[in-house]
Amino acid sequence: MAINTKFEYSIRASRDFVFEWFTDLSPEDTKIAEPLKVRKIISRSSTEIRLQDVEEMLGRRIKLDVQVLLNRPAYHWTAIYKSDMADPRAEYQLSAEAPDRSGLKYESKLMLKGSFVNLLSPFIGLAIKRTFKKELDIFTRAIELDFVDQVRKVQQS
């Protein structure tokens, strides 16, 4: 069974800034991404990042092998996850609403594994959607604060 999630955001930061913020993946991301407990970068290029994450969701620690495909010219990236419990895939698309405002469209599809998980999927689906929404809300606020800081630094120099 698949759990599909869609969110749209309007973010008070330039499209370039938002793209860089989301795709500069590092072990430090554990400080802001609540379910993320460990992040290890395996490899990085201009079009792909490979990582290993350990997340804690629904009281369980989940190890994820992650491939992030970057399409910088289109302001789009895809995160493909593999784990024992589920295989999520998330798509991110940015649009320029104004020079200092971006639109973010987020879509994810989570394929659960195992019959027991499938029996509980309606409850798991609600919990996961709530977690994703909370995380994206936190990211949006952090991006906007970081953008304001960057603008101030540029103006002061």
Protein backbone atom coordinates (compact mmCIF):
# COMPACT_ATOMS: atom_id res chain seq x y z
CA MET A 1 0.00 0.00 0.00
CA ALA A 2 1.23 3.47 -0.86
CA ILE A 3 0.94 6.58 1.27
CA ASN A 4 0.92 9.73 -0.87
CA THR A 5 1.61 13.18 0.51
CA LYS A 6 1.49 16.58 -1.20
CA PHE A 7 2.29 19.98 0.22
CA GLU A 8 2.79 23.43 -1.29
CA TYR A 9 4.65 26.27 0.37
CA SER A 10 5.40 29.89 -0.38
CA ILE A 11 8.82 30.67 1.08
CA ARG A 12 10.21 34.16 1.66
CA ALA A 13 13.61 33.47 0.08
CA SER A 14 15.04 33.39 -3.42
CA ARG A 15 14.73 30.23 -5.47
CA ASP A 16 18.54 29.84 -5.64
CA PHE A 17 18.84 30.18 -1.88
CA VAL A 18 16.07 27.62 -1.23
CA PHE A 19 17.59 25.13 -3.67
CA GLU A 20 21.03 25.45 -2.06
CA TRP A 21 19.59 25.24 1.45
CA PHE A 22 17.69 22.02 0.76
CA THR A 23 20.43 20.31 -1.24
CA ASP A 24 23.54 21.10 0.83
CA LEU A 25 22.96 17.87 2.74
CA SER A 26 25.37 17.28 5.62
CA PRO A 27 25.70 15.42 8.95
CA GLU A 28 24.71 18.70 10.63
CA ASP A 29 21.15 18.24 9.32
CA THR A 30 20.40 16.21 12.44
CA LYS A 31 20.16 19.51 14.33
CA ILE A 32 17.05 20.62 12.41
CA ALA A 33 15.44 17.45 11.02
CA GLU A 34 13.76 15.99 14.09
CA PRO A 35 13.39 12.34 12.99
CA LEU A 36 16.95 12.31 11.59
CA LYS A 37 19.41 10.93 14.14
CA VAL A 38 22.48 10.19 11.96
CA ARG A 39 23.48 11.27 8.45
CA LYS A 40 26.57 9.99 6.65
CA ILE A 41 27.53 11.35 3.23
CA ILE A 42 28.74 8.52 0.98
CA SER A 43 29.38 10.52 -2.21
CA ARG A 44 28.52 13.86 -3.78
CA SER A 45 28.57 15.22 -7.33
CA SER A 46 26.79 18.07 -9.10
CA THR A 47 23.92 15.73 -10.07
CA GLU A 48 23.75 13.14 -7.27
CA ILE A 49 24.27 12.76 -3.54
CA ARG A 50 24.35 9.37 -1.82
CA LEU A 51 23.87 9.11 1.91
CA GLN A 52 22.98 6.82 4.75
CA ASP A 53 20.47 8.12 7.25
CA VAL A 54 19.20 6.75 10.52
CA GLU A 55 15.78 8.10 11.44
CA GLU A 56 13.50 7.48 14.37
CA MET A 57 9.84 7.28 13.41
CA LEU A 58 6.93 5.77 15.26
CA GLY A 59 9.26 4.60 18.00
CA ARG A 60 11.56 2.67 15.64
CA ARG A 61 15.04 3.37 14.35
CA ILE A 62 15.15 3.01 10.57
CA LYS A 63 18.33 2.83 8.48
CA LEU A 64 17.89 4.37 5.04
CA ASP A 65 20.09 4.29 1.96
CA VAL A 66 19.35 7.54 0.14
CA GLN A 67 20.00 8.73 -3.40
CA VAL A 68 19.29 12.39 -4.14
CA LEU A 69 19.13 13.31 -7.82
CA LEU A 70 19.72 17.00 -8.49
CA ASN A 71 18.41 18.90 -11.50
CA ARG A 72 19.77 22.37 -10.82
CA PRO A 73 18.63 24.02 -14.08
CA ALA A 74 15.03 22.95 -13.42
CA TYR A 75 15.18 23.69 -9.65
CA HIS A 76 14.07 20.12 -9.01
CA TRP A 77 15.42 17.28 -6.92
CA THR A 78 14.30 13.76 -6.10
CA ALA A 79 15.12 11.79 -2.96
CA ILE A 80 14.87 7.99 -3.27
CA TYR A 81 15.07 6.02 -0.03
CA LYS A 82 15.52 2.30 0.59
CA SER A 83 14.90 0.56 3.92
CA ASP A 84 13.57 -2.67 5.39
CA MET A 85 10.21 -1.09 6.29
CA ALA A 86 9.45 1.18 3.35
CA ASP A 87 10.73 2.67 0.12
CA PRO A 88 9.83 6.37 0.08
CA ARG A 89 10.37 8.69 -2.86
CA ALA A 90 10.08 12.47 -2.55
CA GLU A 91 9.93 15.04 -5.36
CA TYR A 92 10.68 18.72 -4.80
CA GLN A 93 10.00 21.45 -7.37
CA LEU A 94 10.77 25.13 -6.89
CA SER A 95 9.25 28.06 -8.75
CA ALA A 96 10.10 31.75 -8.58
CA GLU A 97 7.14 33.74 -7.29
CA ALA A 98 9.21 36.94 -6.98
CA PRO A 99 12.95 37.71 -6.64
CA ASP A 100 12.78 37.02 -2.91
CA ARG A 101 9.92 34.50 -2.78
CA SER A 102 9.78 30.90 -3.95
CA GLY A 103 7.08 28.31 -4.37
CA LEU A 104 7.84 24.77 -3.24
CA LYS A 105 5.81 21.77 -4.38
CA TYR A 106 6.52 18.62 -2.42
CA GLU A 107 5.16 15.18 -3.28
CA SER A 108 6.07 11.90 -1.69
CA LYS A 109 5.07 8.33 -2.18
CA LEU A 110 5.81 5.85 0.59
CA MET A 111 5.60 2.17 -0.25
CA LEU A 112 5.25 0.21 3.00
CA LYS A 113 6.66 -3.31 3.29
CA GLY A 114 5.27 -6.27 5.21
CA SER A 115 1.71 -7.41 5.89
CA PHE A 116 1.61 -6.17 9.49
CA VAL A 117 2.66 -2.68 8.38
CA ASN A 118 0.01 -2.75 5.64
CA LEU A 119 -2.69 -3.57 8.19
CA LEU A 120 -1.74 -0.49 10.19
CA SER A 121 -1.09 1.75 7.18
CA PRO A 122 -4.05 4.12 7.71
CA PHE A 123 -2.72 5.00 11.18
CA ILE A 124 0.91 5.00 10.04
CA GLY A 125 -0.06 7.16 7.07
CA LEU A 126 -1.55 9.86 9.29
CA ALA A 127 1.45 9.84 11.61
CA ILE A 128 3.91 10.01 8.72
CA LYS A 129 2.03 12.83 6.96
CA ARG A 130 1.97 14.77 10.23
CA THR A 131 5.72 14.21 10.65
CA PHE A 132 6.51 15.31 7.08
CA LYS A 133 4.33 18.42 7.43
CA LYS A 134 5.94 19.37 10.75
CA GLU A 135 9.42 18.88 9.29
CA LEU A 136 8.67 20.99 6.19
CA ASP A 137 7.18 23.73 8.40
CA ILE A 138 10.41 23.78 10.46
CA PHE A 139 12.53 23.83 7.28
CA THR A 140 10.51 26.72 5.83
CA ARG A 141 10.96 28.84 8.96
CA ALA A 142 14.70 28.03 9.07
CA ILE A 143 15.16 28.91 5.39
CA GLU A 144 13.42 32.25 5.84
CA LEU A 145 15.54 33.13 8.90
CA ASP A 146 18.75 32.09 7.15
CA PHE A 147 17.79 34.15 4.08
CA VAL A 148 17.18 37.26 6.22
CA ASP A 149 20.60 36.72 7.85
CA GLN A 150 22.26 36.40 4.45
CA VAL A 151 20.61 39.58 3.14
CA ARG A 152 21.73 41.48 6.27
CA LYS A 153 25.32 40.28 5.85
CA VAL A 154 25.36 41.38 2.20
CA GLN A 155 23.93 44.80 3.10
CA GLN A 156 26.51 45.30 5.86
CA SER A 157 29.49 44.56 3.62
